[in-house]
Amino acid sequence: VVLRWMGGLLGSAFLTWADHSRERRRLAGKGFQVVQRLRNRQAAKCFDAWQSSLRDRQRLTRAGHKVVSRWRAGQCGDAFFSWREQAQDSQRLFRAAFKVIQRIKNLCVATAWSRWR
């Protein structure tokens, strides 16, 4: 049947139709590729924005660390370190006093217990 069409009047129409359908399939694939590229472009923009935000955050973190280290190294640093040492000493004294008080309480309880028996 196809050979008769190709040899007769319908042959050129069939070839034209076949060419058009091939071209349509090729263009449909290209359209899909274009849509995919547009989608990928949007994803790429989002990814670039995220990377830029991350770089900015890292830069600000480094700047903050620099400020803190300079502050520690300056006059304020001495005051900060002396305050920290005083706070640590205060905590040590509190723990020691707490232990002494617990021992006194236990001694009183032990004395009362021994007298009761």
C-alpha atoms as a PDB file:
ATOM      1  CA  VAL A   1       0.000   0.000   0.000  1.00  0.00           C
ATOM      2  CA  VAL A   2       2.772   2.415   0.941  1.00  0.00           C
ATOM      3  CA  LEU A   3       4.619   1.628  -2.293  1.00  0.00           C
ATOM      4  CA  ARG A   4       1.533   2.425  -4.329  1.00  0.00           C
ATOM      5  CA  TRP A   5       1.048   5.686  -2.438  1.00  0.00           C
ATOM      6  CA  MET A   6       4.651   6.642  -2.951  1.00  0.00           C
ATOM      7  CA  GLY A   7       4.425   5.922  -6.664  1.00  0.00           C
ATOM      8  CA  GLY A   8       1.098   7.610  -7.242  1.00  0.00           C
ATOM      9  CA  LEU A   9      -0.438  10.967  -6.562  1.00  0.00           C
ATOM     10  CA  LEU A  10      -0.687  10.264  -2.866  1.00  0.00           C
ATOM     11  CA  GLY A  11       3.050   9.567  -2.575  1.00  0.00           C
ATOM     12  CA  SER A  12       4.097  13.191  -2.343  1.00  0.00           C
ATOM     13  CA  ALA A  13       1.305  13.911   0.122  1.00  0.00           C
ATOM     14  CA  PHE A  14       2.400  10.952   2.265  1.00  0.00           C
ATOM     15  CA  LEU A  15       6.035  12.097   2.204  1.00  0.00           C
ATOM     16  CA  THR A  16       4.978  15.618   3.127  1.00  0.00           C
ATOM     17  CA  TRP A  17       2.838  14.281   5.973  1.00  0.00           C
ATOM     18  CA  ALA A  18       5.703  12.071   7.210  1.00  0.00           C
ATOM     19  CA  ASP A  19       8.121  15.024   7.111  1.00  0.00           C
ATOM     20  CA  HIS A  20       5.662  17.211   9.004  1.00  0.00           C
ATOM     21  CA  SER A  21       5.041  14.576  11.662  1.00  0.00           C
ATOM     22  CA  ARG A  22       8.813  14.029  12.120  1.00  0.00           C
ATOM     23  CA  GLU A  23       9.335  17.766  12.390  1.00  0.00           C
ATOM     24  CA  ARG A  24       6.456  18.068  14.864  1.00  0.00           C
ATOM     25  CA  ARG A  25       7.959  15.340  17.079  1.00  0.00           C
ATOM     26  CA  ARG A  26      11.367  17.012  16.894  1.00  0.00           C
ATOM     27  CA  LEU A  27       9.903  20.409  17.814  1.00  0.00           C
ATOM     28  CA  ALA A  28       7.861  18.869  20.627  1.00  0.00           C
ATOM     29  CA  GLY A  29      11.103  17.480  22.057  1.00  0.00           C
ATOM     30  CA  LYS A  30      12.732  20.889  21.673  1.00  0.00           C
ATOM     31  CA  GLY A  31       9.789  22.517  23.433  1.00  0.00           C
ATOM     32  CA  PHE A  32      10.164  20.076  26.293  1.00  0.00           C
ATOM     33  CA  GLN A  33      13.870  20.897  26.449  1.00  0.00           C
ATOM     34  CA  VAL A  34      13.072  24.610  26.540  1.00  0.00           C
ATOM     35  CA  VAL A  35      10.610  24.111  29.384  1.00  0.00           C
ATOM     36  CA  GLN A  36      13.173  22.018  31.284  1.00  0.00           C
ATOM     37  CA  ARG A  37      15.807  24.712  30.784  1.00  0.00           C
ATOM     38  CA  LEU A  38      13.409  27.338  32.129  1.00  0.00           C
ATOM     39  CA  ARG A  39      12.672  25.178  35.161  1.00  0.00           C
ATOM     40  CA  ASN A  40      16.366  24.517  35.705  1.00  0.00           C
ATOM     41  CA  ARG A  41      17.061  28.230  35.409  1.00  0.00           C
ATOM     42  CA  GLN A  42      14.616  28.913  38.241  1.00  0.00           C
ATOM     43  CA  ALA A  43      16.216  26.205  40.375  1.00  0.00           C
ATOM     44  CA  ALA A  44      19.655  27.596  39.549  1.00  0.00           C
ATOM     45  CA  LYS A  45      18.559  31.090  40.600  1.00  0.00           C
ATOM     46  CA  CYS A  46      17.290  29.735  43.908  1.00  0.00           C
ATOM     47  CA  PHE A  47      20.509  27.787  44.447  1.00  0.00           C
ATOM     48  CA  ASP A  48      22.625  30.865  43.630  1.00  0.00           C
ATOM     49  CA  ALA A  49      20.595  32.972  46.058  1.00  0.00           C
ATOM     50  CA  TRP A  50      21.060  30.332  48.770  1.00  0.00           C
ATOM     51  CA  GLN A  51      24.817  30.193  48.163  1.00  0.00           C
ATOM     52  CA  SER A  52      25.036  33.981  48.263  1.00  0.00           C
ATOM     53  CA  SER A  53      23.113  34.052  51.537  1.00  0.00           C
ATOM     54  CA  LEU A  54      25.393  31.372  52.964  1.00  0.00           C
ATOM     55  CA  ARG A  55      28.506  33.314  51.921  1.00  0.00           C
ATOM     56  CA  ASP A  56      27.109  36.478  53.523  1.00  0.00           C
ATOM     57  CA  ARG A  57      26.324  34.618  56.734  1.00  0.00           C
ATOM     58  CA  GLN A  58      29.821  33.121  56.837  1.00  0.00           C
ATOM     59  CA  ARG A  59      31.364  36.535  56.209  1.00  0.00           C
ATOM     60  CA  LEU A  60      29.337  38.066  59.031  1.00  0.00           C
ATOM     61  CA  THR A  61      30.283  35.201  61.346  1.00  0.00           C
ATOM     62  CA  ARG A  62      33.972  35.753  60.607  1.00  0.00           C
ATOM     63  CA  ALA A  63      33.546  39.481  61.193  1.00  0.00           C
ATOM     64  CA  GLY A  64      31.794  38.773  64.497  1.00  0.00           C
ATOM     65  CA  HIS A  65      34.623  36.497  65.592  1.00  0.00           C
ATOM     66  CA  LYS A  66      37.119  39.232  64.740  1.00  0.00           C
ATOM     67  CA  VAL A  67      35.177  41.760  66.805  1.00  0.00           C
ATOM     68  CA  VAL A  68      34.993  39.410  69.786  1.00  0.00           C
ATOM     69  CA  SER A  69      38.672  38.552  69.610  1.00  0.00           C
ATOM     70  CA  ARG A  70      39.648  42.241  69.377  1.00  0.00           C
ATOM     71  CA  TRP A  71      37.324  43.022  72.269  1.00  0.00           C
ATOM     72  CA  ARG A  72      38.896  40.274  74.339  1.00  0.00           C
ATOM     73  CA  ALA A  73      42.362  41.495  73.501  1.00  0.00           C
ATOM     74  CA  GLY A  74      41.568  45.115  74.377  1.00  0.00           C
ATOM     75  CA  GLN A  75      40.815  46.815  77.701  1.00  0.00           C
ATOM     76  CA  CYS A  76      37.376  45.249  77.883  1.00  0.00           C
ATOM     77  CA  GLY A  77      38.984  41.848  77.638  1.00  0.00           C
ATOM     78  CA  ASP A  78      40.845  42.309  80.901  1.00  0.00           C
ATOM     79  CA  ALA A  79      37.641  43.267  82.689  1.00  0.00           C
ATOM     80  CA  PHE A  80      35.815  40.326  81.124  1.00  0.00           C
ATOM     81  CA  PHE A  81      38.470  37.822  82.156  1.00  0.00           C
ATOM     82  CA  SER A  82      38.634  39.145  85.725  1.00  0.00           C
ATOM     83  CA  TRP A  83      34.827  38.974  85.961  1.00  0.00           C
ATOM     84  CA  ARG A  84      34.893  35.396  84.650  1.00  0.00           C
ATOM     85  CA  GLU A  85      37.538  34.394  87.194  1.00  0.00           C
ATOM     86  CA  GLN A  86      35.530  35.994  89.998  1.00  0.00           C
ATOM     87  CA  ALA A  87      32.380  34.158  88.864  1.00  0.00           C
ATOM     88  CA  GLN A  88      34.254  30.853  88.805  1.00  0.00           C
ATOM     89  CA  ASP A  89      35.672  31.503  92.286  1.00  0.00           C
ATOM     90  CA  SER A  90      32.197  32.368  93.533  1.00  0.00           C
ATOM     91  CA  GLN A  91      30.829  29.095  92.149  1.00  0.00           C
ATOM     92  CA  ARG A  92      33.648  27.121  93.809  1.00  0.00           C
ATOM     93  CA  LEU A  93      32.977  28.806  97.147  1.00  0.00           C
ATOM     94  CA  PHE A  94      29.249  28.133  96.833  1.00  0.00           C
ATOM     95  CA  ARG A  95      29.857  24.420  96.140  1.00  0.00           C
ATOM     96  CA  ALA A  96      32.260  24.178  99.103  1.00  0.00           C
ATOM     97  CA  ALA A  97      29.796  25.938 101.427  1.00  0.00           C
ATOM     98  CA  PHE A  98      26.999  23.666 100.226  1.00  0.00           C
ATOM     99  CA  LYS A  99      29.082  20.581 101.039  1.00  0.00           C
ATOM    100  CA  VAL A 100      29.864  21.922 104.525  1.00  0.00           C
ATOM    101  CA  ILE A 101      26.199  22.643 105.198  1.00  0.00           C
ATOM    102  CA  GLN A 102      25.208  19.148 104.003  1.00  0.00           C
ATOM    103  CA  ARG A 103      27.773  17.584 106.335  1.00  0.00           C
ATOM    104  CA  ILE A 104      26.497  19.621 109.293  1.00  0.00           C
ATOM    105  CA  LYS A 105      22.902  18.586 108.495  1.00  0.00           C
ATOM    106  CA  ASN A 106      23.938  14.936 108.246  1.00  0.00           C
ATOM    107  CA  LEU A 107      25.814  15.237 111.556  1.00  0.00           C
ATOM    108  CA  CYS A 108      22.712  16.686 113.248  1.00  0.00           C
ATOM    109  CA  VAL A 109      20.517  13.939 111.795  1.00  0.00           C
ATOM    110  CA  ALA A 110      23.002  11.269 112.852  1.00  0.00           C
ATOM    111  CA  THR A 111      23.158  12.676 116.400  1.00  0.00           C
ATOM    112  CA  ALA A 112      19.355  12.787 116.658  1.00  0.00           C
ATOM    113  CA  TRP A 113      19.109   9.272 115.300  1.00  0.00           C
ATOM    114  CA  SER A 114      21.637   7.872 117.740  1.00  0.00           C
ATOM    115  CA  ARG A 115      19.864   9.541 120.724  1.00  0.00           C
ATOM    116  CA  TRP A 116      16.461   8.268 119.635  1.00  0.00           C
ATOM    117  CA  ARG A 117      17.590   4.643 119.474  1.00  0.00           C
END
